[in-house]
Amino acid sequence: MSLATLHDFHRPLGSTGLTVSPLGLGTVKLGRDQGVKYPNGFQIPGDDEARMLLRQARELGINLIDTAPAYGCSEERLGPLLRGQRQDWVIVSKVGEEFTDGLSRHDFSAAHTRMSVERSLQRLETDFIDLVLVHSDGNDMAILEHQEVYATLAALKAEGKIRGFGFSGKTVEGGLKALEQGDCAMVTYNLNEQSEKAVIDYAAAHGKAILVKKALASGHVCLSPGVDPVRASFELLFAQPGVASAIVGTINPLHLAHNVATVAQVLRGH
């Protein structure tokens, strides 16, 4: 049996003109091991391990990579690790959240947003970032209605520094509002939490993009005996036409291969 890959299942990222794999690689574990909610501890992989993981992801047909300034040194590491491969990847980063000395703080001002994007461009060693999302602190509507971050991202898009922008929020109202002007919403959607389904439905109806975080409930899901939680999670997810891609944050090569094989099976069956 040949190794299952996702090369045949790339799909549009809303109306951005970008095409993405149905699984994206989340890279919080490349840069940060404090304040991360996973059931098991982990060690941040070294450069050789990280390079192998990225190569494996690419060979499995993954072209979407998700990072953020709040992911410790993730962006700084990805710059050198992805040298010479920029055309192979759709890079998603964030603005709004900083993580230093074990603590998060948020800043949604125009000046901080612009500084953050310029810094991400330098760290990632690129002239443009494909998609930049606002890292919400949970006050989604206040951020969208009273802060400058969204208008600033729209300006950065017009300048060509980013190709698309959107919102990684915590509420249905925020997700819907974010999609009115933005290109993408990142939502939580899994076997335990489905309250943001309305955002996915809106995106499907309006040609907008959805990225899913916590698709596997960060490894916390419990089902009846004999049911593969990974398969059940992806079946739920990819039954939604609005979903472009699910971000998985594994650094385990076996988990990654299993996730890809499962998604390929699920999509082949649809």
Protein backbone atom coordinates (compact mmCIF):
# COMPACT_ATOMS: atom_id res chain seq x y z
CA MET A 1 0.00 0.00 0.00
CA SER A 2 1.40 3.39 -0.96
CA LEU A 3 1.70 6.04 1.72
CA ALA A 4 -1.45 8.17 1.90
CA THR A 5 -0.80 11.85 1.20
CA LEU A 6 -2.92 14.98 0.90
CA HIS A 7 -1.58 16.19 -2.46
CA ASP A 8 -4.88 15.38 -4.19
CA PHE A 9 -7.03 17.12 -1.59
CA HIS A 10 -5.77 20.73 -1.67
CA ARG A 11 -8.62 23.22 -1.71
CA PRO A 12 -9.24 26.97 -1.92
CA LEU A 13 -8.71 29.08 1.20
CA GLY A 14 -11.97 30.98 0.81
CA SER A 15 -11.59 33.64 -1.88
CA THR A 16 -7.96 34.55 -1.09
CA GLY A 17 -6.67 32.81 -4.21
CA LEU A 18 -4.55 30.56 -1.98
CA THR A 19 -4.83 26.78 -2.11
CA VAL A 20 -4.22 24.81 1.08
CA SER A 21 -3.96 21.26 2.32
CA PRO A 22 -6.86 20.05 4.51
CA LEU A 23 -4.38 19.65 7.37
CA GLY A 24 -2.07 22.41 8.48
CA LEU A 25 0.94 22.06 10.76
CA GLY A 26 0.70 24.11 13.94
CA THR A 27 4.10 25.11 15.34
CA VAL A 28 3.51 26.23 18.92
CA LYS A 29 5.57 23.22 20.08
CA LEU A 30 8.56 24.39 18.02
CA GLY A 31 8.83 27.52 20.11
CA ARG A 32 7.12 27.29 23.46
CA ASP A 33 6.58 24.74 26.22
CA GLN A 34 5.16 27.03 28.94
CA GLY A 35 1.46 27.60 29.47
CA VAL A 36 0.49 25.14 26.74
CA LYS A 37 -2.59 23.01 27.40
CA TYR A 38 -1.74 19.46 26.34
CA PRO A 39 -2.41 16.29 28.33
CA ASN A 40 1.22 15.16 28.11
CA GLY A 41 4.38 17.17 28.55
CA PHE A 42 6.79 17.49 25.64
CA GLN A 43 10.24 18.76 24.80
CA ILE A 44 10.78 21.43 22.18
CA PRO A 45 12.45 19.59 19.28
CA GLY A 46 15.95 20.51 18.13
CA ASP A 47 16.68 21.87 14.65
CA ASP A 48 17.32 18.48 13.03
CA GLU A 49 14.09 17.04 14.42
CA ALA A 50 12.15 20.16 13.37
CA ARG A 51 13.66 20.04 9.88
CA MET A 52 12.67 16.39 9.52
CA LEU A 53 9.14 17.11 10.72
CA LEU A 54 8.74 19.90 8.15
CA ARG A 55 10.13 17.71 5.39
CA GLN A 56 7.76 14.91 6.37
CA ALA A 57 4.81 17.32 6.39
CA ARG A 58 5.71 18.54 2.91
CA GLU A 59 6.11 15.00 1.57
CA LEU A 60 2.70 14.10 3.03
CA GLY A 61 1.14 16.95 1.03
CA ILE A 62 0.84 19.53 3.82
CA ASN A 63 1.51 23.07 2.59
CA LEU A 64 -0.06 25.13 5.39
CA ILE A 65 2.02 26.17 8.38
CA ASP A 66 0.60 28.04 11.37
CA THR A 67 2.73 30.15 13.68
CA ALA A 68 2.44 33.25 15.89
CA PRO A 69 4.53 35.74 17.85
CA ALA A 70 2.92 34.25 20.98
CA TYR A 71 4.46 30.83 20.15
CA GLY A 72 7.78 31.64 21.80
CA CYS A 73 10.60 31.40 19.25
CA SER A 74 8.51 29.55 16.62
CA GLU A 75 8.73 32.30 13.97
CA GLU A 76 12.48 32.84 14.47
CA ARG A 77 13.10 29.12 14.05
CA LEU A 78 10.87 28.75 11.00
CA GLY A 79 12.71 31.49 9.06
CA PRO A 80 15.98 29.51 8.73
CA LEU A 81 14.21 26.12 8.64
CA LEU A 82 12.13 27.14 5.61
CA ARG A 83 14.93 28.82 3.64
CA GLY A 84 14.64 28.03 -0.05
CA GLN A 85 11.13 26.60 0.41
CA ARG A 86 8.99 29.77 0.58
CA GLN A 87 7.03 28.84 -2.56
CA ASP A 88 6.13 25.46 -1.00
CA TRP A 89 4.27 26.89 1.99
CA VAL A 90 1.21 28.95 2.83
CA ILE A 91 2.27 30.70 6.04
CA VAL A 92 -0.26 31.82 8.64
CA SER A 93 0.84 34.04 11.52
CA LYS A 94 -0.95 36.23 14.07
CA VAL A 95 -1.00 39.65 15.70
CA GLY A 96 -2.30 40.92 19.01
CA GLU A 97 -0.77 38.54 21.54
CA GLU A 98 2.74 38.61 22.96
CA PHE A 99 4.09 35.89 25.22
CA THR A 100 7.08 36.75 27.42
CA ASP A 101 8.36 35.33 30.69
CA GLY A 102 5.49 32.86 30.84
CA LEU A 103 2.78 35.50 30.52
CA SER A 104 0.51 36.61 27.67
CA ARG A 105 -0.37 40.23 27.03
CA HIS A 106 -2.47 41.70 24.26
CA ASP A 107 -2.16 44.84 22.15
CA PHE A 108 -4.54 45.57 19.27
CA SER A 109 -3.33 49.10 18.40
CA ALA A 110 -2.38 50.14 14.87
CA ALA A 111 1.25 50.74 15.85
CA HIS A 112 1.65 47.36 17.51
CA THR A 113 -0.10 45.56 14.66
CA ARG A 114 2.20 47.10 12.07
CA MET A 115 5.31 46.48 14.20
CA SER A 116 4.25 42.88 14.78
CA VAL A 117 3.75 42.13 11.07
CA GLU A 118 7.07 43.78 10.12
CA ARG A 119 8.79 41.72 12.82
CA SER A 120 7.14 38.52 11.58
CA LEU A 121 8.32 39.29 8.02
CA GLN A 122 11.90 39.62 9.31
CA ARG A 123 11.76 36.54 11.51
CA LEU A 124 10.20 34.40 8.78
CA GLU A 125 12.65 35.83 6.21
CA THR A 126 9.91 36.62 3.72
CA ASP A 127 8.52 39.61 1.80
CA PHE A 128 4.90 38.71 2.52
CA ILE A 129 2.83 36.55 4.87
CA ASP A 130 -0.03 34.65 3.29
CA LEU A 131 -2.52 35.12 6.12
CA VAL A 132 -2.39 37.07 9.38
CA LEU A 133 -5.01 36.43 12.04
CA VAL A 134 -5.86 38.47 15.12
CA HIS A 135 -5.04 36.48 18.26
CA SER A 136 -8.11 37.41 20.32
CA ASP A 137 -8.09 37.70 24.11
CA GLY A 138 -11.75 36.60 24.10
CA ASN A 139 -13.28 40.09 23.84
CA ASP A 140 -13.94 39.52 20.16
CA MET A 141 -16.55 42.20 19.49
CA ALA A 142 -14.69 44.90 21.44
CA ILE A 143 -11.53 44.18 19.42
CA LEU A 144 -13.35 44.29 16.09
CA GLU A 145 -15.47 47.36 16.86
CA HIS A 146 -13.16 49.54 18.97
CA GLN A 147 -9.57 48.61 18.14
CA GLU A 148 -7.44 49.49 15.11
CA VAL A 149 -6.07 46.03 14.42
CA TYR A 150 -8.51 44.98 11.68
CA ALA A 151 -8.26 48.24 9.71
CA THR A 152 -4.47 48.05 9.99
CA LEU A 153 -4.42 44.49 8.62
CA ALA A 154 -6.61 45.63 5.71
CA ALA A 155 -4.05 48.38 5.00
CA LEU A 156 -1.15 45.89 5.18
CA LYS A 157 -3.03 43.69 2.71
CA ALA A 158 -3.44 46.65 0.34
CA GLU A 159 0.32 47.25 0.66
CA GLY A 160 1.04 43.64 -0.32
CA LYS A 161 2.72 42.72 2.96
CA ILE A 162 0.03 40.16 3.69
CA ARG A 163 -2.21 38.34 1.23
CA GLY A 164 -5.17 37.86 3.54
CA PHE A 165 -6.29 38.58 7.10
CA GLY A 166 -8.78 37.32 9.59
CA PHE A 167 -9.56 36.52 13.18
CA SER A 168 -8.87 33.72 15.62
CA GLY A 169 -11.58 34.31 18.16
CA LYS A 170 -13.64 32.68 20.86
CA THR A 171 -17.25 33.64 20.06
CA VAL A 172 -19.83 33.14 17.33
CA GLU A 173 -20.56 36.89 17.16
CA GLY A 174 -16.86 37.65 16.76
CA GLY A 175 -16.39 35.04 14.06
CA LEU A 176 -19.36 36.30 12.05
CA LYS A 177 -18.31 39.96 12.40
CA ALA A 178 -14.71 39.09 11.47
CA LEU A 179 -15.83 37.41 8.24
CA GLU A 180 -17.84 40.45 7.10
CA GLN A 181 -14.62 42.35 6.31
CA GLY A 182 -11.91 39.74 6.66
CA ASP A 183 -10.89 36.70 4.63
CA CYS A 184 -10.77 34.01 7.28
CA ALA A 185 -11.94 32.96 10.72
CA MET A 186 -10.14 30.42 12.86
CA VAL A 187 -12.65 28.59 15.02
CA THR A 188 -12.69 25.84 17.60
CA TYR A 189 -14.68 22.88 16.33
CA ASN A 190 -14.38 19.33 17.60
CA LEU A 191 -16.29 16.45 19.16
CA ASN A 192 -16.56 18.35 22.45
CA GLU A 193 -17.19 21.89 21.21
CA GLN A 194 -19.44 22.79 18.29
CA SER A 195 -20.85 26.16 19.31
CA GLU A 196 -19.04 28.01 16.47
CA LYS A 197 -20.73 26.00 13.69
CA ALA A 198 -22.70 29.11 12.65
CA VAL A 199 -19.40 30.75 11.68
CA ILE A 200 -18.48 27.78 9.48
CA ASP A 201 -21.90 27.91 7.82
CA TYR A 202 -21.57 31.65 7.17
CA ALA A 203 -18.15 31.13 5.60
CA ALA A 204 -19.48 28.39 3.31
CA ALA A 205 -22.32 30.65 2.16
CA HIS A 206 -20.12 33.71 1.55
CA GLY A 207 -16.95 32.21 0.05
CA LYS A 208 -14.87 32.93 3.14
CA ALA A 209 -12.20 30.71 4.69
CA ILE A 210 -12.34 28.67 7.88
CA LEU A 211 -9.33 27.24 9.67
CA VAL A 212 -10.07 24.98 12.62
CA LYS A 213 -8.03 24.99 15.82
CA LYS A 214 -8.29 22.27 18.48
CA ALA A 215 -9.74 19.89 15.87
CA LEU A 216 -8.65 16.94 18.00
CA ALA A 217 -9.61 18.73 21.25
CA SER A 218 -5.86 18.98 22.01
CA GLY A 219 -5.82 15.23 22.61
CA HIS A 220 -8.50 15.33 25.30
CA VAL A 221 -11.43 13.65 23.57
CA CYS A 222 -13.02 10.47 25.02
CA LEU A 223 -15.32 8.24 23.00
CA SER A 224 -16.87 4.81 23.35
CA PRO A 225 -14.49 1.82 23.08
CA GLY A 226 -13.45 0.89 19.55
CA VAL A 227 -14.07 4.33 18.06
CA ASP A 228 -10.94 6.04 16.71
CA PRO A 229 -11.18 9.59 18.09
CA VAL A 230 -8.97 10.97 15.33
CA ARG A 231 -11.16 9.53 12.59
CA ALA A 232 -14.38 10.59 14.35
CA SER A 233 -12.98 14.12 14.74
CA PHE A 234 -12.04 14.46 11.08
CA GLU A 235 -15.33 12.96 9.91
CA LEU A 236 -17.20 15.60 11.90
CA LEU A 237 -14.96 18.36 10.60
CA PHE A 238 -14.83 17.58 6.90
CA ALA A 239 -18.58 17.01 6.74
CA GLN A 240 -18.66 20.85 6.92
CA PRO A 241 -18.18 22.36 3.45
CA GLY A 242 -16.97 25.64 4.94
CA VAL A 243 -13.83 24.13 6.48
CA ALA A 244 -10.66 24.72 4.47
CA SER A 245 -8.11 23.19 6.83
CA ALA A 246 -7.61 21.87 10.35
CA ILE A 247 -4.43 22.81 12.23
CA VAL A 248 -2.73 19.98 14.11
CA GLY A 249 0.11 20.83 16.44
CA THR A 250 1.91 17.52 16.64
CA ILE A 251 5.69 17.08 16.75
CA ASN A 252 5.34 13.29 16.65
CA PRO A 253 6.06 11.93 13.13
CA LEU A 254 3.85 8.87 13.70
CA HIS A 255 0.91 11.01 14.83
CA LEU A 256 1.37 13.24 11.80
CA ALA A 257 1.41 10.29 9.37
CA HIS A 258 -1.65 8.79 11.09
CA ASN A 259 -3.53 12.09 10.94
CA VAL A 260 -2.76 12.48 7.23
CA ALA A 261 -3.76 8.89 6.42
CA THR A 262 -7.01 9.33 8.34
CA VAL A 263 -7.90 12.61 6.62
CA ALA A 264 -7.12 11.09 3.21
CA GLN A 265 -9.47 8.16 4.01
CA VAL A 266 -12.24 10.47 5.24
CA LEU A 267 -12.00 12.77 2.20
CA ARG A 268 -11.84 9.87 -0.20
CA GLY A 269 -15.08 8.58 1.35
CA HIS A 270 -16.89 11.92 0.99
